């Protein structure tokens, strides 16, 4: 099993244990691949949800550019909801898991079809 597969397993565990959901492994794999090399970098692989700038980056680079959503207050509210689902006190919020939850929240699975 390669490093990426190990990370995908770890992300699936987070979705089950911390978010209380059974992950769609195919979608999780595609979202993880879409994160590129950032998943291997300790800093880039997580989302600092307490930093406003980081959440703006997630909104602009992922929700608007990648998922093709239009900017509006519902984007930040979606991010807040996802962070709430993951657990605000959870220190390591993996980027791939946050992105997966956002894809599900906004119903944009078709982007990864």
Protein backbone atom coordinates (compact mmCIF):
# COMPACT_ATOMS: atom_id res chain seq x y z
CA UNK A 1 0.00 0.00 0.00
CA UNK A 2 1.42 3.35 -1.06
CA UNK A 3 1.65 6.53 1.00
CA UNK A 4 -1.42 8.03 -0.71
CA UNK A 5 -3.50 4.92 0.03
CA UNK A 6 -2.47 5.10 3.68
CA UNK A 7 -3.54 8.75 3.84
CA UNK A 8 -6.89 7.95 2.19
CA UNK A 9 -7.45 5.27 4.86
CA UNK A 10 -6.65 7.83 7.56
CA UNK A 11 -9.09 10.33 6.00
CA UNK A 12 -11.79 7.64 5.83
CA UNK A 13 -11.26 6.95 9.55
CA UNK A 14 -11.69 10.66 10.32
CA UNK A 15 -14.94 10.74 8.34
CA UNK A 16 -16.25 7.71 10.23
CA UNK A 17 -15.08 8.59 13.74
CA UNK A 18 -15.11 12.39 13.84
CA UNK A 19 -17.83 13.22 11.33
CA UNK A 20 -20.07 10.20 11.89
CA UNK A 21 -20.45 9.29 8.21
CA UNK A 22 -19.53 6.43 5.96
CA UNK A 23 -17.31 7.85 3.22
CA UNK A 24 -17.83 7.28 -0.49
CA UNK A 25 -14.33 5.85 -1.02
CA UNK A 26 -14.31 6.55 -4.77
CA UNK A 27 -15.13 10.23 -4.21
CA UNK A 28 -12.71 10.50 -1.27
CA UNK A 29 -9.93 9.06 -3.44
CA UNK A 30 -10.66 11.53 -6.25
CA UNK A 31 -10.80 14.50 -3.87
CA UNK A 32 -7.51 13.39 -2.27
CA UNK A 33 -5.83 13.07 -5.68
CA UNK A 34 -7.19 16.51 -6.52
CA UNK A 35 -5.34 17.97 -3.52
CA UNK A 36 -2.08 17.05 -5.26
CA UNK A 37 1.23 17.04 -3.38
CA UNK A 38 -0.17 19.16 -0.52
CA UNK A 39 -1.36 15.98 1.23
CA UNK A 40 2.28 15.01 1.86
CA UNK A 41 3.22 18.34 3.44
CA UNK A 42 2.55 18.55 7.19
CA UNK A 43 1.43 22.19 7.04
CA UNK A 44 -0.45 22.17 3.73
CA UNK A 45 -2.26 18.88 4.44
CA UNK A 46 -4.39 20.48 7.15
CA UNK A 47 -6.78 23.43 7.21
CA UNK A 48 -6.19 26.02 9.94
CA UNK A 49 -9.87 26.67 10.54
CA UNK A 50 -9.23 29.38 13.13
CA UNK A 51 -7.43 31.55 10.56
CA UNK A 52 -9.75 33.72 8.50
CA UNK A 53 -7.20 33.95 5.66
CA UNK A 54 -7.01 30.17 5.38
CA UNK A 55 -10.80 29.90 5.09
CA UNK A 56 -10.80 32.61 2.42
CA UNK A 57 -8.23 30.56 0.48
CA UNK A 58 -10.42 27.44 0.75
CA UNK A 59 -13.38 29.50 -0.47
CA UNK A 60 -11.56 31.13 -3.41
CA UNK A 61 -9.31 28.30 -4.58
CA UNK A 62 -11.56 25.33 -3.91
CA UNK A 63 -15.20 26.37 -3.83
CA UNK A 64 -15.04 29.05 -6.53
CA UNK A 65 -12.19 27.90 -8.82
CA UNK A 66 -12.43 24.11 -8.46
CA UNK A 67 -16.13 23.52 -7.79
CA UNK A 68 -17.30 26.47 -9.89
CA UNK A 69 -19.57 27.96 -7.23
CA UNK A 70 -20.55 31.64 -7.29
CA UNK A 71 -19.23 33.79 -4.47
CA UNK A 72 -21.74 34.62 -1.78
CA UNK A 73 -22.36 34.36 1.96
CA UNK A 74 -23.54 30.75 1.58
CA UNK A 75 -19.96 29.68 0.78
CA UNK A 76 -18.56 30.78 4.15
CA UNK A 77 -21.63 29.41 5.87
CA UNK A 78 -20.98 26.05 4.14
CA UNK A 79 -17.35 26.12 5.29
CA UNK A 80 -18.47 26.91 8.85
CA UNK A 81 -20.94 24.02 8.76
CA UNK A 82 -18.23 21.61 7.55
CA UNK A 83 -15.81 22.79 10.27
CA UNK A 84 -18.62 22.26 12.79
CA UNK A 85 -19.20 18.72 11.46
CA UNK A 86 -15.47 17.92 11.67
CA UNK A 87 -15.34 19.37 15.18
CA UNK A 88 -14.13 22.88 15.94
CA UNK A 89 -11.84 21.56 18.68
CA UNK A 90 -10.31 18.96 16.36
CA UNK A 91 -6.74 20.18 15.93
CA UNK A 92 -5.85 18.37 12.69
CA UNK A 93 -8.50 18.98 10.09
CA UNK A 94 -7.18 17.25 7.01
CA UNK A 95 -7.60 19.29 3.83
CA UNK A 96 -8.83 16.27 1.84
CA UNK A 97 -11.52 15.57 4.46
CA UNK A 98 -12.63 19.22 4.59
CA UNK A 99 -12.79 19.32 0.77
CA UNK A 100 -14.69 16.03 0.68
CA UNK A 101 -17.23 17.40 3.18
CA UNK A 102 -17.56 20.60 1.12
CA UNK A 103 -18.16 18.61 -2.09
CA UNK A 104 -20.91 16.68 -0.27
CA UNK A 105 -22.36 19.82 1.36
CA UNK A 106 -22.67 21.68 -1.94
CA UNK A 107 -23.71 18.57 -3.92
CA UNK A 108 -20.82 18.96 -6.38
CA UNK A 109 -19.84 15.28 -6.68
CA UNK A 110 -20.22 15.67 -10.48
CA UNK A 111 -16.98 17.73 -10.55
CA UNK A 112 -15.14 14.49 -9.70
CA UNK A 113 -17.22 12.17 -11.89
